[in-house]
Amino acid sequence: MRRSARARIVAFVAGLLVVATPFAQAPQPSARSTVVLSDLHMGPGRTPSGDWHPYEDFRWSSDLTDFLDAVHADGRGAVNLVLNGDTLELLQGIESDCDVTVDAGCTEAQALARLERVVTAHGVELKALAAFARSGANRVVIVPGDHDAALLFPAVGRRLLTALGAPSARVTVATQGHWVSTDGRLVAEHGHQIGSNAHRFDNWPSPFVTHAGARRLVRPWGEQVVQGLYNRFETRYPIVDNVAQSGAGLKHTLAADPAVDINDAAPGLLRYFLLLMSWQQFRMELDGGEVQPPRWNLVDTRAQGATFLVSALPDDDPFKKAAAKALADGRLAEVMAGLSDEEVTAICDYRAAVRRARRRFEPVVSQFAPRGPVVSECPRTSDTRGAAFDYFWQSRDRMFGRHVEAVAAQLPNKRMPAVLVHGHTHLPDRTQSYANMISGGLLTIPMEGFSPVRGALTPVVINGGAWQRTITPVQLGRLQAERGLGYDELLRALQPEDLAPCYSFVHIPPYTDTPSPSVRYWRQTAGGGWSAAPECGR
């Protein structure tokens, strides 16, 4: 490793060691800290009978109030609180209140009516946010996500600010689609606009289309494929969208209820699932660039036809059976033909990473058990075979690298930000250990997030997960084994309240040089109290 890289790592480690409290107290009393949380999904609240509506995921008003008090105290009243998308559930309605078409959703008036229900249902939470914004020198920024993109309708955004009732300088809706710190070093966005995400809007932050003479929200192809299923399943399986990462719960509910006919939807669902790549689940080493990425033989890969799509799923994937049936029925050829070379390469990279994780029994993975059927690799080109070509994150690096460059081009100073925080997937980044040789000695460095530039410590891309109670598929499998239930019985029985009282977020303490973001967890202790910690402890 080059001397300059070693020096940067030593400086970075020195910064990590200065941690006095769970939030890492400010080195300067006047500096600001930043707290980023996403995916609260405040929805319709309770039914007329007083029970929680099955669509309501945010049932934790007192937990949020205590969290905001702790953030205010720790940040000494000088905190940027960034609500990083999907704070409100404005996509999922409880009645036919939006006359949607395939491509178009709510009008501004219809979205405003949905917001009114959310405002009524979550007055306690909005009051707590307003009190936080009024305290000290705190500020609150609400970044729209794919589920609350309706906030970009002017009337909807204004109504939310009115409901909060805080001074206009203290609470804002990020109508540019993302938040940027005053020094340009920090950027936060929801994440649905990164790469070829299924929930991406083409004209963000103007996600609108004119249909039948009215301005409406666009419905991305991912919404078209899955939202109807979520609406259908959540009344029976209330935690279907509490499974991290986003989309994983849908796989399990489809497997739990084989009577559901998804023949027509199977091709779109397979494409959706294959392109949901939770890169952060894998263990990685900071190798200084010695290990190179392989090149996949795309001619041979495409020659497999639609079989390639099914073989990309491990045999224990809950959607494997449905995918195999769609293949046998001849329904996948169009999906395969529609994949770009870049998407095929990304799928090949991802399945190679899955193969390596399972061959090494790596315990870090959280979306599939580390022990299980090993998925096969795509064919490599002859000159990139062997262990020297086992870096499988090139697609991830390319996707995020391009995105960070595009973000930088939009910033006033055109400079690359030091940190990009995103959410959307509901799966937070985890602390990973990187072993490096520094001055001849072995040092293990805990790092969070990653840099899409190999060998560099910035920019850092980090996922804060969801400020929600969630469960991973691996944890769900363990719970099923403990209770001795089938998936249908288990998923019908579980309520969001049964999940661990632990909420993830990104904390960036005040800095004078390089920001040091970390994923933290607001969790309930065994004694019933609450504290911020580096892990859930589950």
Protein backbone atom coordinates (compact mmCIF):
# COMPACT_ATOMS: atom_id res chain seq x y z
CA MET A 1 0.00 0.00 0.00
CA ARG A 2 1.30 3.45 -0.85
CA ARG A 3 2.59 5.63 1.97
CA SER A 4 -0.13 8.25 1.39
CA ALA A 5 -2.83 5.62 1.70
CA ARG A 6 -1.24 4.34 4.92
CA ALA A 7 -1.15 7.85 6.32
CA ARG A 8 -4.82 8.35 5.53
CA ILE A 9 -5.72 5.07 7.25
CA VAL A 10 -3.68 5.94 10.35
CA ALA A 11 -5.42 9.32 10.55
CA PHE A 12 -8.80 7.67 10.04
CA VAL A 13 -8.15 5.12 12.81
CA ALA A 14 -7.00 7.87 15.16
CA GLY A 15 -10.31 9.59 14.59
CA LEU A 16 -12.22 6.40 15.31
CA LEU A 17 -10.54 6.04 18.68
CA VAL A 18 -11.87 9.39 19.93
CA VAL A 19 -15.29 8.12 20.98
CA ALA A 20 -16.49 9.23 24.39
CA THR A 21 -20.23 8.53 24.21
CA PRO A 22 -22.60 6.41 22.13
CA PHE A 23 -23.05 9.40 19.81
CA ALA A 24 -19.38 10.54 19.84
CA GLN A 25 -19.49 13.98 21.47
CA ALA A 26 -18.64 17.15 19.61
CA PRO A 27 -14.99 18.23 19.60
CA GLN A 28 -16.19 21.83 19.36
CA PRO A 29 -19.24 23.10 21.28
CA SER A 30 -20.25 25.33 18.36
CA ALA A 31 -20.03 22.62 15.67
CA ARG A 32 -23.12 20.84 14.35
CA SER A 33 -23.78 17.14 14.37
CA THR A 34 -25.91 15.38 11.77
CA VAL A 35 -28.37 12.56 12.34
CA VAL A 36 -29.97 10.86 9.34
CA LEU A 37 -32.91 8.48 9.62
CA SER A 38 -35.20 7.12 6.94
CA ASP A 39 -38.16 4.87 6.19
CA LEU A 40 -40.41 5.60 9.15
CA HIS A 41 -43.47 5.04 6.92
CA MET A 42 -46.02 6.92 9.03
CA GLY A 43 -49.32 5.78 7.58
CA PRO A 44 -53.05 5.59 8.27
CA GLY A 45 -52.80 4.95 12.01
CA ARG A 46 -55.65 3.07 13.68
CA THR A 47 -58.93 1.68 12.44
CA PRO A 48 -62.27 3.04 13.77
CA SER A 49 -62.28 0.16 16.29
CA GLY A 50 -58.99 1.38 17.77
CA ASP A 51 -56.75 -1.37 16.42
CA TRP A 52 -53.71 -0.61 14.34
CA HIS A 53 -54.47 -0.68 10.65
CA PRO A 54 -52.45 -3.51 9.05
CA TYR A 55 -50.88 -0.96 6.70
CA GLU A 56 -49.54 1.09 9.64
CA ASP A 57 -45.86 0.38 10.24
CA PHE A 58 -44.97 3.30 12.51
CA ARG A 59 -46.33 2.48 15.96
CA TRP A 60 -43.48 3.91 18.01
CA SER A 61 -44.34 7.51 18.93
CA SER A 62 -42.87 7.35 22.46
CA ASP A 63 -39.68 5.69 21.17
CA LEU A 64 -39.26 8.51 18.65
CA THR A 65 -39.91 11.21 21.24
CA ASP A 66 -37.26 9.77 23.58
CA PHE A 67 -34.84 9.47 20.66
CA LEU A 68 -35.30 13.09 19.66
CA ASP A 69 -34.69 14.21 23.25
CA ALA A 70 -31.46 12.19 23.33
CA VAL A 71 -30.30 13.55 19.98
CA HIS A 72 -30.98 17.11 21.11
CA ALA A 73 -29.07 16.63 24.36
CA ASP A 74 -26.12 14.88 22.75
CA GLY A 75 -25.85 17.46 19.97
CA ARG A 76 -26.14 20.33 22.44
CA GLY A 77 -29.05 21.75 20.52
CA ALA A 78 -27.11 22.12 17.25
CA VAL A 79 -28.25 19.17 15.15
CA ASN A 80 -29.14 18.66 11.52
CA LEU A 81 -31.90 16.05 11.66
CA VAL A 82 -32.42 14.69 8.16
CA LEU A 83 -35.53 12.58 7.59
CA ASN A 84 -34.17 10.82 4.55
CA GLY A 85 -37.20 9.68 2.59
CA ASP A 86 -40.33 7.59 3.14
CA THR A 87 -41.00 9.42 6.39
CA LEU A 88 -44.67 9.38 5.39
CA GLU A 89 -46.61 6.59 3.72
CA LEU A 90 -48.33 8.42 0.87
CA LEU A 91 -48.09 5.62 -1.68
CA GLN A 92 -50.25 3.02 0.04
CA GLY A 93 -53.85 4.19 0.44
CA ILE A 94 -56.45 2.50 2.62
CA GLU A 95 -59.24 2.98 0.09
CA SER A 96 -59.66 3.72 -3.60
CA ASP A 97 -58.67 7.33 -3.08
CA CYS A 98 -56.44 7.56 -6.18
CA ASP A 99 -57.78 6.58 -9.58
CA VAL A 100 -54.44 5.13 -10.65
CA THR A 101 -53.56 3.83 -14.09
CA VAL A 102 -50.64 1.60 -14.98
CA ASP A 103 -48.26 4.55 -15.30
CA ALA A 104 -49.90 7.32 -13.28
CA GLY A 105 -50.83 7.67 -9.61
CA CYS A 106 -52.38 10.36 -7.42
CA THR A 107 -53.21 13.89 -8.43
CA GLU A 108 -52.12 16.70 -6.11
CA ALA A 109 -55.58 16.89 -4.53
CA GLN A 110 -55.69 13.12 -3.95
CA ALA A 111 -52.20 13.10 -2.43
CA LEU A 112 -53.20 16.00 -0.19
CA ALA A 113 -56.17 13.97 1.10
CA ARG A 114 -53.83 11.08 1.93
CA LEU A 115 -51.51 13.44 3.76
CA GLU A 116 -54.40 14.76 5.86
CA ARG A 117 -55.10 11.25 7.14
CA VAL A 118 -51.43 10.75 8.03
CA VAL A 119 -51.25 14.14 9.78
CA THR A 120 -54.32 13.24 11.84
CA ALA A 121 -52.99 9.78 12.70
CA HIS A 122 -49.50 10.95 13.69
CA GLY A 123 -50.06 14.19 15.55
CA VAL A 124 -47.85 13.03 18.44
CA GLU A 125 -44.88 12.39 16.17
CA LEU A 126 -45.29 15.67 14.28
CA LYS A 127 -45.52 17.54 17.57
CA ALA A 128 -42.28 15.91 18.76
CA LEU A 129 -40.51 16.83 15.52
CA ALA A 130 -41.75 20.41 15.77
CA ALA A 131 -40.56 20.68 19.38
CA PHE A 132 -37.15 19.37 18.34
CA ALA A 133 -36.94 21.91 15.53
CA ARG A 134 -37.77 24.79 17.87
CA SER A 135 -35.16 23.76 20.44
CA GLY A 136 -31.69 25.28 20.45
CA ALA A 137 -30.35 25.70 16.94
CA ASN A 138 -31.71 22.40 15.63
CA ARG A 139 -32.93 22.04 12.06
CA VAL A 140 -35.13 19.39 10.45
CA VAL A 141 -34.99 18.55 6.75
CA ILE A 142 -37.53 16.27 5.11
CA VAL A 143 -36.14 14.58 2.00
CA PRO A 144 -38.78 12.98 -0.26
CA GLY A 145 -38.49 9.27 -1.05
CA ASP A 146 -40.41 7.03 -3.40
CA HIS A 147 -43.26 6.47 -0.89
CA ASP A 148 -43.61 10.18 -0.09
CA ALA A 149 -42.63 11.63 -3.47
CA ALA A 150 -46.01 13.40 -3.29
CA LEU A 151 -44.31 15.94 -0.99
CA LEU A 152 -42.92 17.41 -4.21
CA PHE A 153 -46.44 18.58 -5.09
CA PRO A 154 -46.25 22.19 -3.82
CA ALA A 155 -49.55 22.04 -1.91
CA VAL A 156 -48.62 18.75 -0.21
CA GLY A 157 -45.20 19.99 0.90
CA ARG A 158 -46.68 23.23 2.21
CA ARG A 159 -49.39 21.40 4.15
CA LEU A 160 -46.83 19.23 5.94
CA LEU A 161 -44.84 22.30 6.98
CA THR A 162 -48.03 23.92 8.24
CA ALA A 163 -48.88 20.79 10.23
CA LEU A 164 -45.46 20.86 11.86
CA GLY A 165 -45.87 24.53 12.75
CA ALA A 166 -42.16 25.16 13.34
CA PRO A 167 -40.37 28.29 12.08
CA SER A 168 -39.72 28.13 8.35
CA ALA A 169 -35.96 28.46 8.86
CA ARG A 170 -35.98 25.38 11.08
CA VAL A 171 -38.01 22.88 9.01
CA THR A 172 -37.78 22.47 5.25
CA VAL A 173 -38.82 20.02 2.56
CA ALA A 174 -35.84 19.27 0.29
CA THR A 175 -37.55 20.06 -3.01
CA GLN A 176 -34.26 19.45 -4.85
CA GLY A 177 -34.67 15.76 -3.94
CA HIS A 178 -31.70 15.57 -1.56
CA TRP A 179 -30.06 17.40 1.34
CA VAL A 180 -26.59 18.99 1.24
CA SER A 181 -24.74 20.35 4.26
CA THR A 182 -23.68 24.00 4.11
CA ASP A 183 -20.04 23.00 3.52
CA GLY A 184 -21.01 20.56 0.75
CA ARG A 185 -19.25 17.63 2.48
CA LEU A 186 -22.42 15.70 3.38
CA VAL A 187 -25.22 14.61 1.07
CA ALA A 188 -28.29 12.62 2.06
CA GLU A 189 -30.85 11.18 -0.34
CA HIS A 190 -33.36 8.40 -0.05
CA GLY A 191 -31.63 6.03 -2.47
CA HIS A 192 -34.33 5.07 -4.95
CA GLN A 193 -32.61 7.18 -7.62
CA ILE A 194 -29.31 5.26 -7.44
CA GLY A 195 -28.49 3.16 -10.49
CA SER A 196 -31.30 1.42 -12.33
CA ASN A 197 -33.42 1.06 -9.20
CA ALA A 198 -36.89 -0.35 -9.85
CA HIS A 199 -38.44 2.60 -7.98
CA ARG A 200 -36.49 5.28 -9.83
CA PHE A 201 -38.31 8.30 -11.29
CA ASP A 202 -36.97 9.46 -14.66
CA ASN A 203 -37.41 13.18 -13.99
CA TRP A 204 -36.56 13.43 -10.30
CA PRO A 205 -37.20 15.71 -8.46
CA SER A 206 -40.17 16.35 -10.73
CA PRO A 207 -41.83 12.90 -10.62
CA PHE A 208 -44.94 13.93 -12.53
CA VAL A 209 -46.78 13.13 -15.72
CA THR A 210 -49.85 14.72 -17.30
CA HIS A 211 -52.62 12.18 -17.74
CA ALA A 212 -56.18 12.95 -18.85
CA GLY A 213 -55.49 16.65 -18.36
CA ALA A 214 -54.30 16.29 -14.75
CA ARG A 215 -50.82 16.39 -13.25
CA ARG A 216 -50.14 13.08 -11.53
CA LEU A 217 -47.34 11.18 -9.88
CA VAL A 218 -45.48 8.77 -12.13
CA ARG A 219 -45.62 5.11 -11.12
CA PRO A 220 -42.14 3.55 -11.59
CA TRP A 221 -42.03 0.00 -12.93
CA GLY A 222 -41.13 -1.42 -9.52
CA GLU A 223 -44.24 0.10 -7.98
CA GLN A 224 -46.30 -1.33 -10.81
CA VAL A 225 -44.92 -4.84 -10.15
CA VAL A 226 -45.05 -5.06 -6.35
CA GLN A 227 -47.33 -2.48 -4.75
CA GLY A 228 -50.56 -4.34 -5.46
CA LEU A 229 -49.08 -7.47 -3.86
CA TYR A 230 -48.02 -5.53 -0.76
CA ASN A 231 -51.53 -4.09 -0.45
CA ARG A 232 -52.95 -7.58 -0.78
CA PHE A 233 -50.58 -9.37 1.59
CA GLU A 234 -50.17 -6.87 4.41
CA THR A 235 -53.68 -7.46 5.75
CA ARG A 236 -52.70 -11.12 6.31
CA TYR A 237 -48.97 -10.75 6.98
CA PRO A 238 -48.47 -7.42 8.83
CA ILE A 239 -44.65 -7.63 8.81
CA VAL A 240 -44.29 -8.24 5.06
CA ASP A 241 -42.51 -4.90 4.61
CA ASN A 242 -40.65 -5.06 7.93
CA VAL A 243 -38.30 -7.70 6.50
CA ALA A 244 -34.96 -6.15 5.53
CA GLN A 245 -34.01 -5.75 2.81
CA SER A 246 -36.99 -4.27 1.04
CA GLY A 247 -38.58 -6.94 -1.14
CA ALA A 248 -37.32 -9.90 0.89
CA GLY A 249 -40.54 -10.10 2.87
CA LEU A 250 -42.53 -10.35 -0.34
CA LYS A 251 -40.52 -13.41 -1.38
CA HIS A 252 -41.33 -15.11 1.90
CA THR A 253 -45.03 -14.31 1.80
CA LEU A 254 -45.29 -15.62 -1.76
CA ALA A 255 -43.63 -18.85 -0.62
CA ALA A 256 -45.83 -19.00 2.48
CA ASP A 257 -49.05 -18.92 0.47
CA PRO A 258 -48.61 -21.17 -2.58
CA ALA A 259 -52.29 -20.76 -3.44
CA VAL A 260 -51.58 -17.25 -4.69
CA ASP A 261 -51.53 -17.19 -8.48
CA ILE A 262 -48.59 -15.07 -9.65
CA ASN A 263 -48.17 -16.54 -13.13
CA ASP A 264 -48.69 -13.24 -14.90
CA ALA A 265 -46.53 -11.36 -12.38
CA ALA A 266 -43.70 -13.91 -12.14
CA PRO A 267 -41.45 -12.50 -14.91
CA GLY A 268 -41.62 -8.95 -13.56
CA LEU A 269 -41.09 -10.16 -10.01
CA LEU A 270 -38.04 -12.18 -11.00
CA ARG A 271 -36.48 -9.15 -12.67
CA TYR A 272 -37.35 -7.07 -9.60
CA PHE A 273 -35.76 -9.54 -7.18
CA LEU A 274 -32.63 -10.10 -9.28
CA LEU A 275 -31.89 -6.39 -9.44
CA LEU A 276 -32.37 -5.88 -5.67
CA MET A 277 -28.75 -6.37 -4.70
CA SER A 278 -27.89 -5.86 -1.03
CA TRP A 279 -24.14 -5.45 -1.52
CA GLN A 280 -23.60 -4.37 2.08
CA GLN A 281 -24.34 -7.83 3.42
CA PHE A 282 -20.98 -9.23 2.29
CA ARG A 283 -17.76 -9.29 4.22
CA MET A 284 -14.98 -7.46 2.41
CA GLU A 285 -11.28 -6.80 2.77
CA LEU A 286 -9.54 -3.55 1.98
CA ASP A 287 -6.96 -5.04 -0.35
CA GLY A 288 -5.38 -1.94 -1.84
CA GLY A 289 -6.40 -3.05 -5.32
CA GLU A 290 -4.26 -6.19 -5.53
CA VAL A 291 -7.23 -8.47 -6.29
CA GLN A 292 -8.83 -7.61 -9.60
CA PRO A 293 -12.43 -8.06 -10.79
CA PRO A 294 -13.12 -10.88 -13.23
CA ARG A 295 -14.56 -10.29 -16.69
CA TRP A 296 -17.63 -12.33 -17.39
CA ASN A 297 -18.05 -13.95 -20.77
CA LEU A 298 -21.32 -12.30 -21.69
CA VAL A 299 -21.64 -14.17 -24.97
CA ASP A 300 -21.59 -17.53 -23.18
CA THR A 301 -23.76 -16.14 -20.39
CA ARG A 302 -26.44 -14.91 -22.77
CA ALA A 303 -26.26 -18.23 -24.63
CA GLN A 304 -27.80 -19.81 -21.51
CA GLY A 305 -30.99 -17.95 -22.33
CA ALA A 306 -33.58 -17.53 -19.59
CA THR A 307 -31.99 -20.41 -17.66
CA PHE A 308 -29.43 -17.82 -16.55
CA LEU A 309 -32.13 -15.95 -14.61
CA VAL A 310 -33.23 -18.96 -12.61
CA SER A 311 -29.69 -20.20 -11.97
CA ALA A 312 -28.88 -16.81 -10.43
CA LEU A 313 -31.10 -17.74 -7.46
CA PRO A 314 -29.70 -20.14 -4.83
CA ASP A 315 -31.76 -23.30 -4.46
CA ASP A 316 -33.01 -22.15 -1.04
CA ASP A 317 -34.24 -18.81 -2.35
CA PRO A 318 -37.99 -18.56 -1.59
CA PHE A 319 -38.71 -17.44 -5.15
CA LYS A 320 -36.74 -20.22 -6.86
CA LYS A 321 -39.75 -22.52 -7.34
CA ALA A 322 -41.88 -19.78 -8.90
CA ALA A 323 -39.00 -18.74 -11.16
CA ALA A 324 -38.44 -22.32 -12.32
CA LYS A 325 -42.15 -22.64 -13.15
CA ALA A 326 -42.07 -19.41 -15.16
CA LEU A 327 -39.05 -20.77 -17.03
CA ALA A 328 -40.81 -24.07 -17.79
CA ASP A 329 -43.82 -22.11 -19.05
CA GLY A 330 -41.61 -20.14 -21.44
CA ARG A 331 -42.36 -16.81 -19.76
CA LEU A 332 -38.85 -15.49 -19.10
CA ALA A 333 -37.35 -14.95 -22.56
CA GLU A 334 -38.50 -11.34 -22.69
CA VAL A 335 -36.98 -10.60 -19.30
CA MET A 336 -33.61 -12.00 -20.35
CA ALA A 337 -33.66 -10.10 -23.64
CA GLY A 338 -34.47 -6.87 -21.81
CA LEU A 339 -31.43 -6.98 -19.51
CA SER A 340 -28.57 -4.69 -20.48
CA ASP A 341 -25.00 -5.98 -20.50
CA GLU A 342 -24.38 -3.89 -17.39
CA GLU A 343 -27.29 -5.54 -15.58
CA VAL A 344 -26.13 -9.02 -16.61
CA THR A 345 -22.63 -8.15 -15.35
CA ALA A 346 -24.05 -6.93 -12.04
CA ILE A 347 -26.03 -10.16 -11.59
CA CYS A 348 -22.87 -12.16 -12.35
CA ASP A 349 -20.86 -10.11 -9.83
CA TYR A 350 -23.53 -10.57 -7.20
CA ARG A 351 -23.91 -14.32 -7.61
CA ALA A 352 -20.11 -14.70 -7.45
CA ALA A 353 -20.14 -12.78 -4.16
CA VAL A 354 -22.90 -15.07 -2.88
CA ARG A 355 -20.87 -18.11 -3.93
CA ARG A 356 -17.77 -16.86 -2.14
CA ALA A 357 -19.69 -16.00 1.02
CA ARG A 358 -21.19 -19.46 1.23
CA ARG A 359 -18.00 -21.28 0.37
CA ARG A 360 -16.26 -19.43 3.21
CA PHE A 361 -19.22 -19.71 5.62
CA GLU A 362 -19.00 -15.98 6.19
CA PRO A 363 -21.24 -15.06 9.15
CA VAL A 364 -21.66 -11.39 8.16
CA VAL A 365 -24.31 -12.07 5.54
CA SER A 366 -27.83 -11.27 6.61
CA GLN A 367 -30.04 -11.97 3.61
CA PHE A 368 -29.30 -15.66 3.28
CA ALA A 369 -27.85 -18.24 5.67
CA PRO A 370 -24.07 -18.59 5.28
CA ARG A 371 -24.49 -22.34 5.00
CA GLY A 372 -26.57 -23.60 2.13
CA PRO A 373 -26.56 -24.41 -1.58
CA VAL A 374 -23.77 -22.63 -3.40
CA VAL A 375 -24.88 -20.74 -6.47
CA SER A 376 -22.66 -21.21 -9.53
CA GLU A 377 -20.59 -18.47 -11.14
CA CYS A 378 -21.13 -17.07 -14.60
CA PRO A 379 -18.48 -18.17 -17.13
CA ARG A 380 -15.35 -15.99 -16.94
CA THR A 381 -13.09 -14.95 -19.76
CA SER A 382 -10.06 -17.23 -19.89
CA ASP A 383 -7.61 -14.51 -18.82
CA THR A 384 -9.46 -13.66 -15.57
CA ARG A 385 -9.71 -17.07 -13.95
CA GLY A 386 -8.23 -17.77 -10.54
CA ALA A 387 -8.07 -16.16 -7.10
CA ALA A 388 -6.27 -13.07 -8.42
CA PHE A 389 -9.60 -12.05 -9.99
CA ASP A 390 -11.96 -12.45 -7.04
CA TYR A 391 -13.03 -8.86 -6.48
CA PHE A 392 -16.79 -9.03 -7.08
CA TRP A 393 -17.88 -5.49 -6.21
CA GLN A 394 -16.97 -3.71 -9.43
CA SER A 395 -20.63 -3.28 -10.45
CA ARG A 396 -21.44 -1.76 -7.07
CA ASP A 397 -18.43 0.57 -7.25
CA ARG A 398 -19.29 1.66 -10.78
CA MET A 399 -22.94 2.31 -9.94
CA PHE A 400 -22.26 4.34 -6.80
CA GLY A 401 -19.21 6.03 -8.30
CA ARG A 402 -21.25 7.35 -11.20
CA HIS A 403 -24.00 8.44 -8.86
CA VAL A 404 -21.69 10.34 -6.52
CA GLU A 405 -20.12 12.06 -9.54
CA ALA A 406 -23.60 13.03 -10.78
CA VAL A 407 -24.46 14.39 -7.32
CA ALA A 408 -21.21 16.39 -7.25
CA ALA A 409 -22.08 17.93 -10.63
CA GLN A 410 -25.29 19.30 -9.10
CA LEU A 411 -23.60 20.88 -6.08
CA PRO A 412 -22.76 24.60 -6.14
CA ASN A 413 -19.01 23.95 -5.70
CA LYS A 414 -19.01 20.92 -8.05
CA ARG A 415 -16.81 19.08 -5.53
CA MET A 416 -17.14 15.43 -4.61
CA PRO A 417 -18.93 15.11 -1.25
CA ALA A 418 -17.12 13.28 1.54
CA VAL A 419 -20.20 11.30 2.60
CA LEU A 420 -23.34 10.12 0.81
CA VAL A 421 -26.02 8.72 3.13
CA HIS A 422 -28.90 6.73 1.68
CA GLY A 423 -31.62 4.37 2.87
CA HIS A 424 -34.52 2.82 0.92
CA THR A 425 -33.45 -0.83 1.30
CA HIS A 426 -34.27 -1.02 5.04
CA LEU A 427 -30.95 -2.87 5.50
CA PRO A 428 -28.24 -0.84 7.28
CA ASP A 429 -24.55 -1.09 6.61
CA ARG A 430 -22.70 -3.08 9.22
CA THR A 431 -19.31 -2.45 10.77
CA GLN A 432 -16.71 -4.52 8.97
CA SER A 433 -13.09 -5.20 9.83
CA TYR A 434 -10.43 -4.51 7.27
CA ALA A 435 -7.01 -6.04 7.89
CA ASN A 436 -4.18 -3.89 6.58
CA MET A 437 -0.40 -3.85 6.81
CA ILE A 438 0.66 -0.48 8.17
CA SER A 439 4.33 0.19 8.85
CA GLY A 440 4.96 -3.52 8.88
CA GLY A 441 2.30 -4.33 11.48
CA LEU A 442 -1.15 -5.83 11.12
CA LEU A 443 -3.95 -3.50 12.12
CA THR A 444 -7.64 -4.35 12.02
CA ILE A 445 -9.70 -1.29 11.19
CA PRO A 446 -13.46 -1.11 11.80
CA MET A 447 -15.08 0.73 8.91
CA GLU A 448 -18.66 1.50 7.96
CA GLY A 449 -20.00 2.05 4.50
CA PHE A 450 -17.57 1.88 1.61
CA SER A 451 -15.82 4.04 -0.92
CA PRO A 452 -16.62 3.37 -4.59
CA VAL A 453 -13.02 4.42 -5.30
CA ARG A 454 -10.80 1.48 -4.38
CA GLY A 455 -7.93 2.35 -2.07
CA ALA A 456 -9.58 5.64 -1.01
CA LEU A 457 -11.29 6.48 2.25
CA THR A 458 -13.61 9.07 0.67
CA PRO A 459 -16.19 9.47 -0.59
CA VAL A 460 -17.97 7.18 1.87
CA VAL A 461 -21.33 5.73 0.86
CA ILE A 462 -23.33 4.50 3.83
CA ASN A 463 -26.83 3.05 4.25
CA GLY A 464 -28.67 3.90 7.45
CA GLY A 465 -31.35 1.24 7.12
CA ALA A 466 -34.83 2.01 8.43
CA TRP A 467 -35.91 3.77 11.61
CA GLN A 468 -38.28 0.88 12.04
CA ARG A 469 -38.54 -2.47 13.77
CA THR A 470 -37.18 -4.93 11.22
CA ILE A 471 -36.12 -8.54 10.91
CA THR A 472 -33.77 -10.12 8.37
CA PRO A 473 -34.61 -13.35 6.53
CA VAL A 474 -31.92 -15.17 8.52
CA GLN A 475 -33.49 -14.01 11.79
CA LEU A 476 -36.90 -14.99 10.46
CA GLY A 477 -35.61 -18.48 9.72
CA ARG A 478 -34.21 -18.81 13.23
CA LEU A 479 -37.51 -17.69 14.71
CA GLN A 480 -39.37 -20.21 12.61
CA ALA A 481 -37.11 -23.01 13.87
CA GLU A 482 -37.51 -21.87 17.48
CA ARG A 483 -41.29 -21.80 17.30
CA GLY A 484 -41.66 -24.88 15.09
CA LEU A 485 -44.11 -23.13 12.76
CA GLY A 486 -44.50 -23.07 9.00
CA TYR A 487 -43.84 -19.75 7.29
CA ASP A 488 -47.55 -19.12 6.73
CA GLU A 489 -48.35 -19.61 10.43
CA LEU A 490 -45.35 -17.58 11.57
CA LEU A 491 -45.96 -14.66 9.23
CA ARG A 492 -49.65 -14.52 10.10
CA ALA A 493 -48.83 -14.48 13.82
CA LEU A 494 -46.09 -11.85 13.82
CA GLN A 495 -46.92 -8.20 14.40
CA PRO A 496 -44.47 -5.30 14.12
CA GLU A 497 -44.59 -5.05 17.92
CA ASP A 498 -43.06 -8.55 18.13
CA LEU A 499 -39.87 -7.37 16.42
CA ALA A 500 -36.82 -6.10 18.28
CA PRO A 501 -37.17 -2.54 19.67
CA CYS A 502 -34.15 -1.29 17.75
CA TYR A 503 -33.98 1.49 15.15
CA SER A 504 -31.01 2.23 12.90
CA PHE A 505 -29.74 5.62 11.77
CA VAL A 506 -26.54 7.33 10.62
CA HIS A 507 -24.69 9.63 12.98
CA ILE A 508 -22.04 12.08 11.82
CA PRO A 509 -20.38 13.89 14.72
CA PRO A 510 -19.00 17.41 14.33
CA TYR A 511 -15.80 17.43 12.31
CA THR A 512 -13.02 19.80 11.43
CA ASP A 513 -11.56 17.81 8.54
CA THR A 514 -13.00 14.49 7.36
CA PRO A 515 -16.51 13.45 8.48
CA SER A 516 -16.74 10.04 10.18
CA PRO A 517 -20.21 8.56 9.63
CA SER A 518 -21.38 5.50 11.51
CA VAL A 519 -24.53 3.44 11.75
CA ARG A 520 -25.98 3.58 15.25
CA TYR A 521 -28.99 1.93 16.84
CA TRP A 522 -31.53 3.41 19.20
CA ARG A 523 -32.30 0.31 21.21
CA GLN A 524 -34.11 -0.73 24.32
CA THR A 525 -31.91 -2.29 26.98
CA ALA A 526 -32.74 -5.35 29.05
CA GLY A 527 -33.77 -3.05 31.90
CA GLY A 528 -36.27 -1.21 29.73
CA GLY A 529 -34.25 1.96 29.21
CA TRP A 530 -33.04 3.33 25.90
CA SER A 531 -29.60 4.16 24.56
CA ALA A 532 -27.66 4.59 21.33
CA ALA A 533 -25.32 1.70 20.59
CA PRO A 534 -23.14 0.38 17.74
CA GLU A 535 -25.37 -2.68 17.27
CA CYS A 536 -28.79 -4.02 18.12
CA GLY A 537 -27.44 -6.82 20.25
CA ARG A 538 -29.65 -9.39 18.58
